[in-house]
Amino acid sequence: MNKKQLKKSIKFSISIAVITFVLAAIFSVVSSYILSGVMSIIGLVIVFIIVLIGVFFDMLGIAATAADEVPFHAMAAEKVSGSKQAILIVRNADRFASFCNDVIGDISGIISGTASAIVVLQIANGFGYGEGTSFQITISVIMTSLVAALTVGGKALGKFFAIHASTKIIFIVGKIIAFLEEKLKIRVLSNK
C-alpha cells in the first residue's frame, strides 16, 4: 500500500466515523422520541423494523462485494438505467459495504438494543411491574434473545441471497440510485 492509498483510506475512515456519529445520534433521538409516545405493541413493530433495516443493509453490503462488474458493462453499453451506478458500487465495494454493513447495519443493531430496552420498560410498566422486578428481567431476556435471533438469522439469510443474487440486487440498487440522481437530482454516488 502506498502513501496515497493510506491517506485516502484514513480520510474515508474519519469521514465514515463522523457520519456514523451523526446518524447514530439522530436515529437514537428519533427512535427514543417515537417509542416514548407509542403503545408497547407498536414499539415492538418499530424494533423489528429497525432490525430488518440492519439485515437489509447488511445484505446490500455483501452483495456489493460478491457482484461481478462485467454484466453491468454490457448494460451500460446499451445505456440501461442504473448500470453505471451498479458499476460504481462494485468498483467501490469496500466503501459501499463499509457504509451498508458498518454504518447502517451496526447503528441498527445498537438502536434496536436501545429500543428494545424502552419497549421492555413499557411492557413491564403496562403490567404494573417496576424496573428491576423478575417480570421485567424475564421480558428483557426474551426481548434481547428475540432481537438477537432475528438479527443473526436474518443476516444469515440475507448473506445467502446477497451471494447468490448479487448481480440482481446491485442492479436494483443501481436503478434506485439512478432514479434519485437523474429524476430527483440527489447526488448519491461519486466518481471519485
N, C-alpha and C. Protein backbone atom coordinates (compact mmCIF):
# COMPACT_ATOMS: atom_id res chain seq x y z
N MET A 1 0.85 -1.18 0.00
CA MET A 1 0.00 0.00 0.00
C MET A 1 0.90 1.24 0.00
N ASN A 2 0.60 2.16 -0.90
CA ASN A 2 1.40 3.39 -0.94
C ASN A 2 0.79 4.47 -0.05
N LYS A 3 1.53 5.57 0.10
CA LYS A 3 1.09 6.65 0.99
C LYS A 3 -0.22 7.28 0.54
N LYS A 4 -0.43 7.38 -0.78
CA LYS A 4 -1.64 7.98 -1.31
C LYS A 4 -2.86 7.13 -0.94
N GLN A 5 -2.73 5.80 -1.07
CA GLN A 5 -3.83 4.91 -0.70
C GLN A 5 -4.10 4.97 0.80
N LEU A 6 -3.03 5.01 1.59
CA LEU A 6 -3.18 5.09 3.04
C LEU A 6 -3.88 6.38 3.44
N LYS A 7 -3.47 7.48 2.84
CA LYS A 7 -4.08 8.79 3.14
C LYS A 7 -5.57 8.78 2.78
N LYS A 8 -5.88 8.20 1.61
CA LYS A 8 -7.27 8.11 1.15
C LYS A 8 -8.10 7.24 2.10
N SER A 9 -7.50 6.13 2.57
CA SER A 9 -8.18 5.23 3.49
C SER A 9 -8.43 5.90 4.84
N ILE A 10 -7.44 6.64 5.33
CA ILE A 10 -7.60 7.35 6.61
C ILE A 10 -8.69 8.42 6.49
N LYS A 11 -8.67 9.15 5.39
CA LYS A 11 -9.68 10.19 5.16
C LYS A 11 -11.08 9.58 5.13
N PHE A 12 -11.22 8.45 4.41
CA PHE A 12 -12.52 7.77 4.35
C PHE A 12 -12.94 7.28 5.73
N SER A 13 -12.01 6.70 6.48
CA SER A 13 -12.32 6.18 7.82
C SER A 13 -12.80 7.28 8.75
N ILE A 14 -12.15 8.43 8.69
CA ILE A 14 -12.55 9.55 9.54
C ILE A 14 -13.93 10.06 9.13
N SER A 15 -14.14 10.20 7.82
CA SER A 15 -15.45 10.71 7.37
C SER A 15 -16.56 9.73 7.71
N ILE A 16 -16.30 8.42 7.60
CA ILE A 16 -17.33 7.43 7.92
C ILE A 16 -17.61 7.42 9.42
N ALA A 17 -16.58 7.68 10.24
CA ALA A 17 -16.78 7.75 11.69
C ALA A 17 -17.65 8.96 12.06
N VAL A 18 -17.41 10.09 11.41
CA VAL A 18 -18.22 11.29 11.66
C VAL A 18 -19.66 11.06 11.22
N ILE A 19 -19.84 10.48 10.04
CA ILE A 19 -21.19 10.18 9.54
C ILE A 19 -21.90 9.23 10.49
N THR A 20 -21.18 8.22 10.98
CA THR A 20 -21.77 7.26 11.92
C THR A 20 -22.21 7.95 13.20
N PHE A 21 -21.36 8.83 13.72
CA PHE A 21 -21.69 9.56 14.95
C PHE A 21 -22.98 10.36 14.76
N VAL A 22 -23.06 11.10 13.67
CA VAL A 22 -24.22 11.96 13.41
C VAL A 22 -25.48 11.11 13.21
N LEU A 23 -25.39 10.08 12.36
CA LEU A 23 -26.56 9.24 12.10
C LEU A 23 -27.02 8.50 13.36
N ALA A 24 -26.06 7.99 14.14
CA ALA A 24 -26.42 7.28 15.37
C ALA A 24 -27.14 8.21 16.34
N ALA A 25 -26.66 9.42 16.46
CA ALA A 25 -27.31 10.39 17.35
C ALA A 25 -28.73 10.69 16.87
N ILE A 26 -28.86 10.93 15.58
CA ILE A 26 -30.19 11.25 15.02
C ILE A 26 -31.13 10.08 15.21
N PHE A 27 -30.70 8.85 14.80
CA PHE A 27 -31.58 7.69 14.92
C PHE A 27 -31.92 7.37 16.36
N SER A 28 -30.97 7.56 17.26
CA SER A 28 -31.21 7.29 18.67
C SER A 28 -32.26 8.23 19.25
N VAL A 29 -32.10 9.52 18.97
CA VAL A 29 -33.05 10.51 19.47
C VAL A 29 -34.44 10.27 18.87
N VAL A 30 -34.48 10.07 17.56
CA VAL A 30 -35.77 9.87 16.88
C VAL A 30 -36.46 8.61 17.39
N SER A 31 -35.72 7.49 17.47
CA SER A 31 -36.36 6.25 17.92
C SER A 31 -36.80 6.35 19.38
N SER A 32 -36.00 6.98 20.22
CA SER A 32 -36.40 7.14 21.63
C SER A 32 -37.64 8.03 21.74
N TYR A 33 -37.66 9.09 20.96
CA TYR A 33 -38.81 10.01 20.97
C TYR A 33 -40.07 9.30 20.48
N ILE A 34 -39.94 8.57 19.37
CA ILE A 34 -41.10 7.87 18.82
C ILE A 34 -41.58 6.79 19.78
N LEU A 35 -40.65 6.02 20.34
CA LEU A 35 -41.02 4.92 21.21
C LEU A 35 -41.63 5.38 22.53
N SER A 36 -41.24 6.56 22.99
CA SER A 36 -41.78 7.03 24.27
C SER A 36 -43.25 7.39 24.19
N GLY A 37 -43.74 7.62 22.98
CA GLY A 37 -45.13 8.04 22.84
C GLY A 37 -46.05 7.01 22.22
N VAL A 38 -45.60 5.74 22.10
CA VAL A 38 -46.44 4.72 21.47
C VAL A 38 -46.72 3.58 22.43
N MET A 39 -47.72 2.78 22.07
CA MET A 39 -48.03 1.59 22.85
C MET A 39 -46.91 0.57 22.65
N SER A 40 -46.78 -0.35 23.59
CA SER A 40 -45.69 -1.32 23.54
C SER A 40 -45.76 -2.21 22.30
N ILE A 41 -46.94 -2.53 21.81
CA ILE A 41 -47.06 -3.39 20.62
C ILE A 41 -46.52 -2.65 19.39
N ILE A 42 -46.78 -1.36 19.29
CA ILE A 42 -46.24 -0.57 18.18
C ILE A 42 -44.73 -0.44 18.36
N GLY A 43 -44.29 -0.31 19.60
CA GLY A 43 -42.86 -0.28 19.89
C GLY A 43 -42.16 -1.55 19.43
N LEU A 44 -42.81 -2.70 19.65
CA LEU A 44 -42.26 -3.97 19.17
C LEU A 44 -42.11 -3.97 17.65
N VAL A 45 -43.13 -3.48 16.96
CA VAL A 45 -43.09 -3.41 15.50
C VAL A 45 -41.94 -2.51 15.06
N ILE A 46 -41.77 -1.38 15.72
CA ILE A 46 -40.67 -0.46 15.38
C ILE A 46 -39.32 -1.13 15.59
N VAL A 47 -39.16 -1.86 16.69
CA VAL A 47 -37.91 -2.58 16.95
C VAL A 47 -37.63 -3.57 15.82
N PHE A 48 -38.65 -4.30 15.40
CA PHE A 48 -38.46 -5.29 14.32
C PHE A 48 -38.16 -4.62 12.98
N ILE A 49 -38.74 -3.44 12.75
CA ILE A 49 -38.41 -2.69 11.53
C ILE A 49 -36.94 -2.26 11.56
N ILE A 50 -36.48 -1.81 12.71
CA ILE A 50 -35.06 -1.41 12.85
C ILE A 50 -34.15 -2.61 12.58
N VAL A 51 -34.52 -3.78 13.11
CA VAL A 51 -33.75 -5.00 12.86
C VAL A 51 -33.73 -5.32 11.37
N LEU A 52 -34.88 -5.24 10.72
CA LEU A 52 -34.97 -5.53 9.28
C LEU A 52 -34.13 -4.56 8.45
N ILE A 53 -34.09 -3.31 8.85
CA ILE A 53 -33.24 -2.33 8.15
C ILE A 53 -31.78 -2.77 8.23
N GLY A 54 -31.34 -3.18 9.41
CA GLY A 54 -29.97 -3.66 9.58
C GLY A 54 -29.68 -4.88 8.72
N VAL A 55 -30.61 -5.82 8.70
CA VAL A 55 -30.46 -7.04 7.90
C VAL A 55 -30.40 -6.69 6.41
N PHE A 56 -31.29 -5.80 5.97
CA PHE A 56 -31.36 -5.41 4.56
C PHE A 56 -30.05 -4.75 4.11
N PHE A 57 -29.55 -3.82 4.89
CA PHE A 57 -28.32 -3.13 4.51
C PHE A 57 -27.10 -4.05 4.59
N ASP A 58 -27.12 -5.00 5.51
CA ASP A 58 -26.05 -6.00 5.56
C ASP A 58 -26.04 -6.80 4.26
N MET A 59 -27.22 -7.17 3.78
CA MET A 59 -27.33 -7.90 2.52
C MET A 59 -26.79 -7.08 1.35
N LEU A 60 -27.10 -5.79 1.33
CA LEU A 60 -26.60 -4.93 0.25
C LEU A 60 -25.08 -4.85 0.26
N GLY A 61 -24.50 -4.72 1.44
CA GLY A 61 -23.04 -4.64 1.54
C GLY A 61 -22.37 -5.92 1.06
N ILE A 62 -22.92 -7.06 1.43
CA ILE A 62 -22.35 -8.34 0.99
C ILE A 62 -22.52 -8.49 -0.52
N ALA A 63 -23.68 -8.10 -1.04
CA ALA A 63 -23.93 -8.21 -2.49
C ALA A 63 -22.93 -7.38 -3.28
N ALA A 64 -22.59 -6.21 -2.77
CA ALA A 64 -21.63 -5.35 -3.47
C ALA A 64 -20.27 -6.02 -3.57
N THR A 65 -19.86 -6.72 -2.52
CA THR A 65 -18.56 -7.37 -2.54
C THR A 65 -18.58 -8.66 -3.37
N ALA A 66 -19.75 -9.25 -3.53
CA ALA A 66 -19.86 -10.51 -4.28
C ALA A 66 -20.16 -10.30 -5.77
N ALA A 67 -20.66 -9.12 -6.13
CA ALA A 67 -21.10 -8.87 -7.51
C ALA A 67 -19.92 -8.77 -8.47
N ASP A 68 -20.20 -9.14 -9.71
CA ASP A 68 -19.22 -9.06 -10.79
C ASP A 68 -19.55 -7.84 -11.64
N GLU A 69 -18.55 -7.11 -12.00
CA GLU A 69 -18.73 -5.86 -12.75
C GLU A 69 -19.10 -6.10 -14.22
N VAL A 70 -18.68 -7.21 -14.79
CA VAL A 70 -18.80 -7.48 -16.23
C VAL A 70 -20.22 -7.35 -16.77
N PRO A 71 -21.23 -7.96 -16.15
CA PRO A 71 -22.59 -7.84 -16.72
C PRO A 71 -23.08 -6.38 -16.82
N PHE A 72 -22.60 -5.55 -15.93
CA PHE A 72 -23.05 -4.16 -15.93
C PHE A 72 -22.43 -3.35 -17.07
N HIS A 73 -21.27 -3.78 -17.55
CA HIS A 73 -20.65 -3.10 -18.69
C HIS A 73 -21.50 -3.28 -19.94
N ALA A 74 -22.02 -4.49 -20.14
CA ALA A 74 -22.89 -4.74 -21.30
C ALA A 74 -24.15 -3.88 -21.21
N MET A 75 -24.69 -3.77 -20.01
CA MET A 75 -25.89 -2.94 -19.81
C MET A 75 -25.56 -1.47 -20.04
N ALA A 76 -24.40 -1.04 -19.55
CA ALA A 76 -24.00 0.37 -19.72
C ALA A 76 -23.82 0.70 -21.19
N ALA A 77 -23.30 -0.26 -21.97
CA ALA A 77 -23.12 -0.05 -23.41
C ALA A 77 -24.46 0.17 -24.10
N GLU A 78 -25.50 -0.46 -23.55
CA GLU A 78 -26.86 -0.30 -24.10
C GLU A 78 -27.61 0.85 -23.41
N LYS A 79 -26.91 1.60 -22.56
CA LYS A 79 -27.46 2.74 -21.82
C LYS A 79 -28.66 2.36 -20.94
N VAL A 80 -28.54 1.21 -20.27
CA VAL A 80 -29.58 0.76 -19.35
C VAL A 80 -29.47 1.57 -18.06
N SER A 81 -30.57 2.16 -17.66
CA SER A 81 -30.59 2.98 -16.44
C SER A 81 -30.17 2.15 -15.23
N GLY A 82 -29.26 2.69 -14.45
CA GLY A 82 -28.79 2.04 -13.24
C GLY A 82 -27.50 1.25 -13.42
N SER A 83 -27.13 0.97 -14.67
CA SER A 83 -25.93 0.15 -14.90
C SER A 83 -24.65 0.90 -14.52
N LYS A 84 -24.58 2.18 -14.83
CA LYS A 84 -23.38 2.95 -14.46
C LYS A 84 -23.24 3.04 -12.94
N GLN A 85 -24.36 3.21 -12.26
CA GLN A 85 -24.35 3.27 -10.80
C GLN A 85 -23.94 1.91 -10.22
N ALA A 86 -24.41 0.83 -10.84
CA ALA A 86 -24.04 -0.51 -10.38
C ALA A 86 -22.53 -0.74 -10.53
N ILE A 87 -21.96 -0.24 -11.64
CA ILE A 87 -20.51 -0.36 -11.85
C ILE A 87 -19.77 0.39 -10.74
N LEU A 88 -20.23 1.61 -10.43
CA LEU A 88 -19.59 2.38 -9.36
C LEU A 88 -19.69 1.67 -8.01
N ILE A 89 -20.83 1.03 -7.75
CA ILE A 89 -20.99 0.30 -6.49
C ILE A 89 -19.99 -0.84 -6.41
N VAL A 90 -19.88 -1.62 -7.50
CA VAL A 90 -18.97 -2.77 -7.50
C VAL A 90 -17.51 -2.31 -7.42
N ARG A 91 -17.18 -1.25 -8.13
CA ARG A 91 -15.80 -0.73 -8.09
C ARG A 91 -15.42 -0.19 -6.72
N ASN A 92 -16.41 0.30 -6.01
CA ASN A 92 -16.18 0.84 -4.66
C ASN A 92 -16.84 -0.04 -3.61
N ALA A 93 -16.79 -1.35 -3.84
CA ALA A 93 -17.48 -2.30 -2.96
C ALA A 93 -17.02 -2.18 -1.52
N ASP A 94 -15.74 -1.90 -1.30
CA ASP A 94 -15.25 -1.79 0.08
C ASP A 94 -15.92 -0.63 0.81
N ARG A 95 -16.03 0.50 0.14
CA ARG A 95 -16.67 1.67 0.77
C ARG A 95 -18.18 1.47 0.90
N PHE A 96 -18.79 0.94 -0.15
CA PHE A 96 -20.24 0.70 -0.13
C PHE A 96 -20.59 -0.28 0.98
N ALA A 97 -19.81 -1.38 1.07
CA ALA A 97 -20.05 -2.38 2.11
C ALA A 97 -19.79 -1.79 3.50
N SER A 98 -18.77 -0.97 3.62
CA SER A 98 -18.48 -0.34 4.91
C SER A 98 -19.66 0.52 5.36
N PHE A 99 -20.20 1.31 4.42
CA PHE A 99 -21.34 2.14 4.76
C PHE A 99 -22.55 1.29 5.12
N CYS A 100 -22.88 0.31 4.27
CA CYS A 100 -24.07 -0.51 4.50
C CYS A 100 -23.95 -1.39 5.74
N ASN A 101 -22.84 -2.12 5.84
CA ASN A 101 -22.68 -3.08 6.93
C ASN A 101 -22.32 -2.40 8.25
N ASP A 102 -21.33 -1.50 8.18
CA ASP A 102 -20.82 -0.93 9.41
C ASP A 102 -21.62 0.28 9.89
N VAL A 103 -21.92 1.19 9.00
CA VAL A 103 -22.65 2.39 9.44
C VAL A 103 -24.11 2.04 9.70
N ILE A 104 -24.85 1.69 8.65
CA ILE A 104 -26.29 1.44 8.82
C ILE A 104 -26.54 0.17 9.62
N GLY A 105 -25.83 -0.92 9.27
CA GLY A 105 -26.05 -2.19 9.95
C GLY A 105 -25.75 -2.13 11.44
N ASP A 106 -24.60 -1.58 11.78
CA ASP A 106 -24.22 -1.52 13.20
C ASP A 106 -25.07 -0.52 13.97
N ILE A 107 -25.40 0.60 13.35
CA ILE A 107 -26.28 1.56 14.02
C ILE A 107 -27.63 0.90 14.29
N SER A 108 -28.14 0.15 13.32
CA SER A 108 -29.42 -0.55 13.51
C SER A 108 -29.34 -1.51 14.68
N GLY A 109 -28.22 -2.22 14.80
CA GLY A 109 -28.05 -3.15 15.92
C GLY A 109 -28.05 -2.44 17.26
N ILE A 110 -27.35 -1.33 17.33
CA ILE A 110 -27.29 -0.57 18.58
C ILE A 110 -28.64 0.05 18.92
N ILE A 111 -29.26 0.65 17.91
CA ILE A 111 -30.56 1.30 18.15
C ILE A 111 -31.63 0.27 18.51
N SER A 112 -31.59 -0.91 17.87
CA SER A 112 -32.58 -1.94 18.20
C SER A 112 -32.43 -2.39 19.65
N GLY A 113 -31.18 -2.42 20.15
CA GLY A 113 -30.97 -2.76 21.55
C GLY A 113 -31.54 -1.72 22.49
N THR A 114 -31.28 -0.46 22.17
CA THR A 114 -31.83 0.64 22.98
C THR A 114 -33.35 0.66 22.92
N ALA A 115 -33.87 0.50 21.71
CA ALA A 115 -35.33 0.50 21.53
C ALA A 115 -35.97 -0.67 22.27
N SER A 116 -35.30 -1.82 22.25
CA SER A 116 -35.80 -2.99 22.98
C SER A 116 -35.92 -2.70 24.47
N ALA A 117 -34.92 -2.02 25.02
CA ALA A 117 -34.95 -1.68 26.44
C ALA A 117 -36.14 -0.79 26.77
N ILE A 118 -36.41 0.18 25.89
CA ILE A 118 -37.56 1.07 26.11
C ILE A 118 -38.86 0.28 26.07
N VAL A 119 -38.98 -0.62 25.09
CA VAL A 119 -40.20 -1.43 24.95
C VAL A 119 -40.36 -2.35 26.16
N VAL A 120 -39.27 -2.93 26.65
CA VAL A 120 -39.34 -3.81 27.82
C VAL A 120 -39.89 -3.03 29.03
N LEU A 121 -39.38 -1.81 29.22
CA LEU A 121 -39.89 -0.99 30.33
C LEU A 121 -41.37 -0.66 30.15
N GLN A 122 -41.78 -0.39 28.91
CA GLN A 122 -43.19 -0.10 28.64
C GLN A 122 -44.06 -1.31 28.96
N ILE A 123 -43.60 -2.48 28.55
CA ILE A 123 -44.38 -3.71 28.81
C ILE A 123 -44.46 -3.96 30.31
N ALA A 124 -43.33 -3.86 31.00
CA ALA A 124 -43.31 -4.09 32.45
C ALA A 124 -44.21 -3.09 33.17
N ASN A 125 -44.12 -1.81 32.80
CA ASN A 125 -44.98 -0.80 33.42
C ASN A 125 -46.45 -1.02 33.08
N GLY A 126 -46.70 -1.48 31.86
CA GLY A 126 -48.09 -1.76 31.45
C GLY A 126 -48.74 -2.85 32.28
N PHE A 127 -47.93 -3.80 32.74
CA PHE A 127 -48.45 -4.87 33.58
C PHE A 127 -48.33 -4.55 35.07
N GLY A 128 -47.85 -3.33 35.38
CA GLY A 128 -47.78 -2.90 36.77
C GLY A 128 -46.52 -3.34 37.50
N TYR A 129 -45.51 -3.75 36.76
CA TYR A 129 -44.25 -4.16 37.39
C TYR A 129 -43.21 -3.07 37.18
N GLY A 130 -42.47 -2.79 38.22
CA GLY A 130 -41.45 -1.75 38.14
C GLY A 130 -40.15 -2.26 37.56
N GLU A 131 -39.20 -1.35 37.52
CA GLU A 131 -37.88 -1.67 37.00
C GLU A 131 -37.14 -2.59 37.97
N GLY A 132 -36.47 -3.59 37.45
CA GLY A 132 -35.67 -4.49 38.27
C GLY A 132 -36.44 -5.68 38.82
N THR A 133 -37.74 -5.77 38.53
CA THR A 133 -38.51 -6.92 39.00
C THR A 133 -38.19 -8.14 38.15
N SER A 134 -38.51 -9.31 38.65
CA SER A 134 -38.23 -10.54 37.91
C SER A 134 -39.03 -10.57 36.60
N PHE A 135 -40.22 -9.99 36.60
CA PHE A 135 -41.02 -9.94 35.37
C PHE A 135 -40.29 -9.09 34.32
N GLN A 136 -39.81 -7.94 34.74
CA GLN A 136 -39.10 -7.05 33.80
C GLN A 136 -37.82 -7.71 33.30
N ILE A 137 -37.13 -8.40 34.16
CA ILE A 137 -35.89 -9.09 33.76
C ILE A 137 -36.21 -10.21 32.77
N THR A 138 -37.29 -10.95 33.03
CA THR A 138 -37.69 -12.03 32.13
C THR A 138 -38.05 -11.48 30.75
N ILE A 139 -38.84 -10.42 30.72
CA ILE A 139 -39.22 -9.79 29.44
C ILE A 139 -37.97 -9.28 28.73
N SER A 140 -37.03 -8.74 29.48
CA SER A 140 -35.79 -8.22 28.91
C SER A 140 -34.98 -9.34 28.26
N VAL A 141 -34.86 -10.47 28.94
CA VAL A 141 -34.12 -11.61 28.40
C VAL A 141 -34.80 -12.13 27.14
N ILE A 142 -36.13 -12.26 27.17
CA ILE A 142 -36.87 -12.74 25.99
C ILE A 142 -36.70 -11.78 24.82
N MET A 143 -36.85 -10.50 25.08
CA MET A 143 -36.75 -9.49 24.02
C MET A 143 -35.35 -9.44 23.43
N THR A 144 -34.34 -9.44 24.28
CA THR A 144 -32.95 -9.41 23.81
C THR A 144 -32.65 -10.65 22.97
N SER A 145 -33.09 -11.80 23.43
CA SER A 145 -32.86 -13.05 22.69
C SER A 145 -33.58 -13.05 21.35
N LEU A 146 -34.80 -12.54 21.32
CA LEU A 146 -35.58 -12.48 20.09
C LEU A 146 -34.93 -11.54 19.07
N VAL A 147 -34.51 -10.37 19.54
CA VAL A 147 -33.86 -9.41 18.64
C VAL A 147 -32.55 -9.99 18.11
N ALA A 148 -31.78 -10.63 18.98
CA ALA A 148 -30.51 -11.24 18.55
C ALA A 148 -30.76 -12.35 17.53
N ALA A 149 -31.74 -13.20 17.79
CA ALA A 149 -32.05 -14.31 16.88
C ALA A 149 -32.51 -13.79 15.52
N LEU A 150 -33.38 -12.78 15.52
CA LEU A 150 -33.85 -12.22 14.26
C LEU A 150 -32.72 -11.53 13.50
N THR A 151 -31.85 -10.85 14.21
CA THR A 151 -30.72 -10.18 13.57
C THR A 151 -29.77 -11.19 12.94
N VAL A 152 -29.33 -12.17 13.72
CA VAL A 152 -28.37 -13.14 13.23
C VAL A 152 -28.99 -14.04 12.15
N GLY A 153 -30.19 -14.52 12.40
CA GLY A 153 -30.87 -15.37 11.41
C GLY A 153 -31.17 -14.60 10.13
N GLY A 154 -31.63 -13.36 10.28
CA GLY A 154 -31.92 -12.52 9.11
C GLY A 154 -30.67 -12.22 8.31
N LYS A 155 -29.57 -11.94 8.99
CA LYS A 155 -28.32 -11.65 8.28
C LYS A 155 -27.79 -12.90 7.57
N ALA A 156 -27.97 -14.06 8.18
CA ALA A 156 -27.53 -15.30 7.53
C ALA A 156 -28.32 -15.54 6.25
N LEU A 157 -29.63 -15.34 6.31
CA LEU A 157 -30.47 -15.48 5.12
C LEU A 157 -30.13 -14.41 4.09
N GLY A 158 -29.91 -13.19 4.56
CA GLY A 158 -29.53 -12.09 3.67
C GLY A 158 -28.22 -12.36 2.96
N LYS A 159 -27.26 -12.97 3.66
CA LYS A 159 -25.98 -13.30 3.04
C LYS A 159 -26.17 -14.33 1.92
N PHE A 160 -27.05 -15.30 2.14
CA PHE A 160 -27.33 -16.29 1.10
C PHE A 160 -27.83 -15.60 -0.16
N PHE A 161 -28.83 -14.74 -0.01
CA PHE A 161 -29.36 -14.02 -1.18
C PHE A 161 -28.31 -13.09 -1.79
N ALA A 162 -27.54 -12.44 -0.93
CA ALA A 162 -26.52 -11.50 -1.41
C ALA A 162 -25.48 -12.20 -2.27
N ILE A 163 -25.08 -13.38 -1.89
CA ILE A 163 -24.06 -14.11 -2.64
C ILE A 163 -24.64 -14.72 -3.91
N HIS A 164 -25.86 -15.26 -3.82
CA HIS A 164 -26.44 -15.97 -4.96
C HIS A 164 -27.19 -15.08 -5.94
N ALA A 165 -27.53 -13.88 -5.53
CA ALA A 165 -28.26 -12.97 -6.42
C ALA A 165 -27.63 -11.58 -6.42
N SER A 166 -26.31 -11.53 -6.27
CA SER A 166 -25.62 -10.24 -6.12
C SER A 166 -25.83 -9.32 -7.31
N THR A 167 -25.79 -9.86 -8.52
CA THR A 167 -25.96 -9.02 -9.72
C THR A 167 -27.34 -8.38 -9.74
N LYS A 168 -28.36 -9.17 -9.44
CA LYS A 168 -29.74 -8.63 -9.44
C LYS A 168 -29.91 -7.57 -8.35
N ILE A 169 -29.38 -7.87 -7.17
CA ILE A 169 -29.53 -6.94 -6.05
C ILE A 169 -28.83 -5.61 -6.35
N ILE A 170 -27.60 -5.68 -6.83
CA ILE A 170 -26.85 -4.46 -7.10
C ILE A 170 -27.46 -3.70 -8.28
N PHE A 171 -28.02 -4.42 -9.24
CA PHE A 171 -28.68 -3.74 -10.36
C PHE A 171 -29.92 -2.97 -9.87
N ILE A 172 -30.69 -3.58 -8.98
CA ILE A 172 -31.86 -2.89 -8.41
C ILE A 172 -31.42 -1.65 -7.64
N VAL A 173 -30.36 -1.80 -6.84
CA VAL A 173 -29.84 -0.65 -6.09
C VAL A 173 -29.35 0.42 -7.06
N GLY A 174 -28.67 0.00 -8.13
CA GLY A 174 -28.21 0.94 -9.16
C GLY A 174 -29.37 1.70 -9.80
N LYS A 175 -30.47 1.00 -10.06
CA LYS A 175 -31.65 1.65 -10.65
C LYS A 175 -32.26 2.67 -9.67
N ILE A 176 -32.30 2.31 -8.40
CA ILE A 176 -32.84 3.24 -7.39
C ILE A 176 -31.96 4.48 -7.30
N ILE A 177 -30.65 4.26 -7.27
CA ILE A 177 -29.72 5.39 -7.20
C ILE A 177 -29.81 6.24 -8.46
N ALA A 178 -29.95 5.59 -9.63
CA ALA A 178 -30.11 6.34 -10.89
C ALA A 178 -31.35 7.21 -10.84
N PHE A 179 -32.43 6.67 -10.30
CA PHE A 179 -33.67 7.45 -10.17
C PHE A 179 -33.45 8.66 -9.27
N LEU A 180 -32.80 8.44 -8.12
CA LEU A 180 -32.54 9.53 -7.19
C LEU A 180 -31.66 10.61 -7.83
N GLU A 181 -30.64 10.16 -8.57
CA GLU A 181 -29.71 11.11 -9.17
C GLU A 181 -30.28 11.81 -10.40
N GLU A 182 -30.97 11.07 -11.24
CA GLU A 182 -31.45 11.64 -12.51
C GLU A 182 -32.78 12.37 -12.37
N LYS A 183 -33.69 11.79 -11.66
CA LYS A 183 -35.04 12.39 -11.55
C LYS A 183 -35.16 13.39 -10.41
N LEU A 184 -34.57 13.04 -9.27
CA LEU A 184 -34.71 13.89 -8.08
C LEU A 184 -33.50 14.79 -7.85
N LYS A 185 -32.46 14.60 -8.66
CA LYS A 185 -31.24 15.41 -8.59
C LYS A 185 -30.55 15.33 -7.22
N ILE A 186 -30.62 14.14 -6.60
CA ILE A 186 -29.94 13.90 -5.33
C ILE A 186 -28.66 13.13 -5.63
N ARG A 187 -27.52 13.70 -5.32
CA ARG A 187 -26.23 13.06 -5.61
C ARG A 187 -25.98 11.98 -4.57
N VAL A 188 -25.90 10.74 -5.00
CA VAL A 188 -25.68 9.62 -4.10
C VAL A 188 -24.28 9.05 -4.26
N LEU A 189 -23.89 8.79 -5.49
CA LEU A 189 -22.57 8.22 -5.76
C LEU A 189 -21.67 9.26 -6.39
N SER A 190 -20.39 9.06 -6.16
CA SER A 190 -19.40 9.98 -6.74
C SER A 190 -18.43 9.15 -7.56
N ASN A 191 -17.93 9.71 -8.63
CA ASN A 191 -16.94 9.03 -9.47
C ASN A 191 -15.55 9.03 -8.87
N LYS A 192 -15.35 9.71 -7.74
CA LYS A 192 -14.03 9.84 -7.11
C LYS A 192 -13.63 8.52 -6.48
